[in-house]
């Protein structure tokens, strides 16, 4: 079977069209621009995938849980987590990791390498940790409880609130909020508020092993 090889990184492809797309990514030209954020892409299909960030489209579903993903690649990584498929081992402590990103963050912790800086002087290992920290300064509360509509700055605060105020046996739930609330507790139990329940004293049911 004939293979088409990239002259820059020597990666092989079965079809010449695949090689052409790959080479465009090397060249640095990004003629396809996102109308929402202005980010550019070398090929139109990359732009279409990126636009899912803005429109919330997640067409790839995990058959093992309820999670959905914007790309097939992210779904494949997620399934490896279910399968506990360890691909990366730390040379310092021998701890195993499923994803390359988690492995790289772990190595940074060994080195004390905090590349993400806040204007207040604090530093962080990941961009997501920095983003979460910045709400301390902005006061933005974008995580809302679907039962009582209280808002929180962090998902951990919302989780703690749900467990404390709504997940106790017999905890009252306002009947005006007919939501289905799913909260993953320790990745083993799902607390579900049944949309068909009525009355102020409807209980939160626990589903799971």
Protein backbone atom coordinates (compact mmCIF):
# COMPACT_ATOMS: atom_id res chain seq x y z
CA UNK A 1 0.00 0.00 0.00
CA UNK A 2 1.41 3.36 -1.06
CA UNK A 3 1.90 5.93 1.68
CA UNK A 4 2.22 9.70 1.29
CA UNK A 5 4.86 11.17 3.59
CA UNK A 6 5.08 14.71 4.96
CA UNK A 7 8.42 16.29 4.07
CA UNK A 8 8.39 18.37 7.27
CA UNK A 9 7.57 15.92 10.06
CA UNK A 10 7.66 12.64 8.04
CA UNK A 11 4.19 11.58 9.15
CA UNK A 12 2.61 9.11 6.69
CA UNK A 13 -0.86 9.20 5.16
CA UNK A 14 -2.88 6.73 3.12
CA UNK A 15 -4.37 9.38 0.82
CA UNK A 16 -2.73 12.35 -0.88
CA UNK A 17 -5.68 14.55 0.13
CA UNK A 18 -4.94 13.82 3.80
CA UNK A 19 -1.32 14.84 3.25
CA UNK A 20 -2.40 18.10 1.58
CA UNK A 21 -4.59 19.02 4.57
CA UNK A 22 -1.78 18.13 6.96
CA UNK A 23 0.78 20.28 5.11
CA UNK A 24 -1.55 23.30 5.29
CA UNK A 25 -1.37 23.08 9.08
CA UNK A 26 2.43 23.32 8.86
CA UNK A 27 2.42 26.35 6.54
CA UNK A 28 0.89 28.75 9.07
CA UNK A 29 -1.68 30.28 6.70
CA UNK A 30 -5.06 30.65 8.41
CA UNK A 31 -7.54 32.08 5.90
CA UNK A 32 -10.68 30.74 7.60
CA UNK A 33 -11.68 33.13 10.39
CA UNK A 34 -14.19 32.60 13.17
CA UNK A 35 -16.86 35.32 13.07
CA UNK A 36 -17.33 35.10 16.85
CA UNK A 37 -13.78 35.43 18.17
CA UNK A 38 -11.58 36.13 15.14
CA UNK A 39 -9.41 33.04 15.51
CA UNK A 40 -8.02 31.74 12.21
CA UNK A 41 -7.71 28.20 10.85
CA UNK A 42 -5.80 26.64 7.93
CA UNK A 43 -8.74 24.55 6.69
CA UNK A 44 -12.50 25.02 6.78
CA UNK A 45 -13.20 21.78 8.67
CA UNK A 46 -11.02 23.01 11.57
CA UNK A 47 -13.14 26.17 11.69
CA UNK A 48 -16.36 24.14 11.78
CA UNK A 49 -15.08 22.11 14.72
CA UNK A 50 -13.98 25.29 16.52
CA UNK A 51 -17.40 26.90 16.09
CA UNK A 52 -18.87 24.18 18.29
CA UNK A 53 -17.23 25.99 21.22
CA UNK A 54 -19.48 28.97 20.53
CA UNK A 55 -22.71 27.19 19.61
CA UNK A 56 -22.40 24.44 22.22
CA UNK A 57 -22.79 21.62 19.69
CA UNK A 58 -21.51 18.28 21.02
CA UNK A 59 -22.45 15.56 18.52
CA UNK A 60 -20.29 12.77 19.96
CA UNK A 61 -21.82 10.85 22.89
CA UNK A 62 -20.19 8.39 25.27
CA UNK A 63 -22.00 5.04 25.30
CA UNK A 64 -20.84 4.42 28.88
CA UNK A 65 -22.13 7.62 30.50
CA UNK A 66 -24.10 10.77 29.66
CA UNK A 67 -21.19 12.96 28.59
CA UNK A 68 -21.04 14.48 25.11
CA UNK A 69 -18.13 16.00 23.18
CA UNK A 70 -17.46 18.42 20.37
CA UNK A 71 -14.88 16.19 18.63
CA UNK A 72 -14.39 12.48 18.09
CA UNK A 73 -10.84 12.84 19.42
CA UNK A 74 -12.07 14.15 22.78
CA UNK A 75 -14.57 11.29 22.96
CA UNK A 76 -11.80 8.76 22.29
CA UNK A 77 -9.71 10.24 25.12
CA UNK A 78 -12.72 10.15 27.44
CA UNK A 79 -13.37 6.46 26.71
CA UNK A 80 -9.76 5.68 27.62
CA UNK A 81 -10.54 7.12 31.06
CA UNK A 82 -13.45 4.68 31.42
CA UNK A 83 -11.17 1.83 30.38
CA UNK A 84 -8.41 3.04 32.72
CA UNK A 85 -6.05 2.79 29.78
CA UNK A 86 -2.75 4.09 31.14
CA UNK A 87 -0.49 5.44 28.39
CA UNK A 88 1.91 7.69 30.27
CA UNK A 89 4.01 6.88 33.34
CA UNK A 90 5.80 9.47 35.44
CA UNK A 91 9.58 8.80 35.49
CA UNK A 92 9.80 10.35 38.97
CA UNK A 93 7.04 8.60 40.93
CA UNK A 94 5.82 5.99 38.38
CA UNK A 95 2.23 7.24 38.60
CA UNK A 96 0.22 6.37 35.49
CA UNK A 97 -1.95 8.71 33.39
CA UNK A 98 -4.54 8.18 30.70
CA UNK A 99 -4.10 11.51 28.89
CA UNK A 100 -1.01 13.39 27.79
CA UNK A 101 -2.35 16.67 29.19
CA UNK A 102 -2.79 15.22 32.70
CA UNK A 103 0.68 13.70 32.48
CA UNK A 104 2.26 17.03 31.49
CA UNK A 105 0.51 18.90 34.32
CA UNK A 106 1.76 16.25 36.76
CA UNK A 107 5.35 16.72 35.56
CA UNK A 108 5.00 20.47 36.12
CA UNK A 109 4.05 19.80 39.74
CA UNK A 110 7.26 17.85 40.26
CA UNK A 111 9.24 20.77 38.85
CA UNK A 112 7.17 23.46 40.55
CA UNK A 113 6.62 24.97 37.10
CA UNK A 114 3.70 27.41 37.21
CA UNK A 115 3.41 29.05 33.80
CA UNK A 116 0.11 30.87 34.27
CA UNK A 117 0.22 34.20 36.11
CA UNK A 118 -2.54 36.36 37.53
CA UNK A 119 -2.18 40.14 37.79
CA UNK A 120 -2.37 39.77 41.58
CA UNK A 121 0.87 37.79 41.65
CA UNK A 122 -0.49 34.27 42.10
CA UNK A 123 0.71 31.56 39.73
CA UNK A 124 -0.90 28.32 38.56
CA UNK A 125 -0.03 25.09 36.80
CA UNK A 126 -2.90 25.22 34.29
CA UNK A 127 -4.85 27.86 32.38
CA UNK A 128 -8.10 26.42 33.75
CA UNK A 129 -6.88 26.94 37.33
CA UNK A 130 -5.99 30.54 36.48
CA UNK A 131 -9.39 31.10 34.89
CA UNK A 132 -11.12 29.71 37.96
CA UNK A 133 -9.01 31.92 40.23
CA UNK A 134 -9.87 35.09 38.32
CA UNK A 135 -13.51 34.93 39.39
CA UNK A 136 -12.22 35.93 42.84
CA UNK A 137 -11.43 39.31 41.27
CA UNK A 138 -14.42 39.62 38.93
CA UNK A 139 -17.04 38.20 41.30
CA UNK A 140 -18.70 36.43 38.36
CA UNK A 141 -21.13 33.71 39.47
CA UNK A 142 -21.88 31.61 36.41
CA UNK A 143 -22.65 28.29 38.13
CA UNK A 144 -26.31 28.20 39.12
CA UNK A 145 -28.23 25.66 41.18
CA UNK A 146 -31.17 24.50 39.08
CA UNK A 147 -33.25 23.79 42.18
CA UNK A 148 -33.07 27.01 44.21
CA UNK A 149 -31.34 29.23 41.60
CA UNK A 150 -28.49 30.31 43.91
CA UNK A 151 -25.34 31.21 41.99
CA UNK A 152 -21.71 30.39 42.75
CA UNK A 153 -18.29 31.39 41.50
CA UNK A 154 -16.94 27.83 41.35
CA UNK A 155 -18.34 24.41 40.49
CA UNK A 156 -16.96 23.02 43.77
CA UNK A 157 -19.06 25.56 45.69
CA UNK A 158 -22.17 24.54 43.74
CA UNK A 159 -21.44 20.87 44.43
CA UNK A 160 -21.00 21.52 48.15
CA UNK A 161 -24.24 23.52 48.25
CA UNK A 162 -26.17 20.75 46.50
CA UNK A 163 -24.91 18.07 48.88
CA UNK A 164 -25.58 20.19 51.96
CA UNK A 165 -28.96 21.69 51.07
CA UNK A 166 -30.63 19.39 48.55
CA UNK A 167 -29.13 15.90 48.73
CA UNK A 168 -30.18 15.10 52.30
CA UNK A 169 -33.10 12.68 52.74
CA UNK A 170 -36.33 14.65 52.91
CA UNK A 171 -34.73 17.94 51.91
CA UNK A 172 -37.45 20.30 50.63
CA UNK A 173 -37.30 21.22 46.96
CA UNK A 174 -39.36 24.15 45.62
CA UNK A 175 -42.08 22.76 43.36
CA UNK A 176 -41.81 25.82 41.11
CA UNK A 177 -38.47 24.57 39.85
CA UNK A 178 -39.28 21.46 37.86
CA UNK A 179 -35.74 20.59 36.87
CA UNK A 180 -33.83 17.41 36.41
CA UNK A 181 -30.59 17.92 38.30
CA UNK A 182 -27.74 15.52 37.86
CA UNK A 183 -24.75 15.76 40.16
CA UNK A 184 -21.93 13.28 39.97
CA UNK A 185 -20.73 12.55 43.49
CA UNK A 186 -17.35 10.83 43.66
CA UNK A 187 -18.02 9.53 40.14
CA UNK A 188 -20.27 6.78 41.49
CA UNK A 189 -23.66 8.23 42.46
CA UNK A 190 -26.09 10.43 40.61
CA UNK A 191 -28.53 12.59 42.53
CA UNK A 192 -31.59 13.10 40.36
CA UNK A 193 -34.53 15.40 40.91
CA UNK A 194 -37.46 13.83 39.10
CA UNK A 195 -39.25 16.32 36.84
CA UNK A 196 -42.53 14.49 37.41
CA UNK A 197 -42.41 14.99 41.18
CA UNK A 198 -44.77 17.53 42.68
CA UNK A 199 -44.96 19.18 46.06
CA UNK A 200 -42.51 21.12 48.18
CA UNK A 201 -41.25 18.04 50.00
CA UNK A 202 -40.19 16.02 46.99
CA UNK A 203 -37.02 14.08 47.78
CA UNK A 204 -33.82 13.85 45.82
CA UNK A 205 -33.33 10.27 44.72
CA UNK A 206 -29.95 8.58 44.50
CA UNK A 207 -29.30 6.48 41.44
CA UNK A 208 -26.14 4.46 41.00
CA UNK A 209 -24.13 1.61 42.46
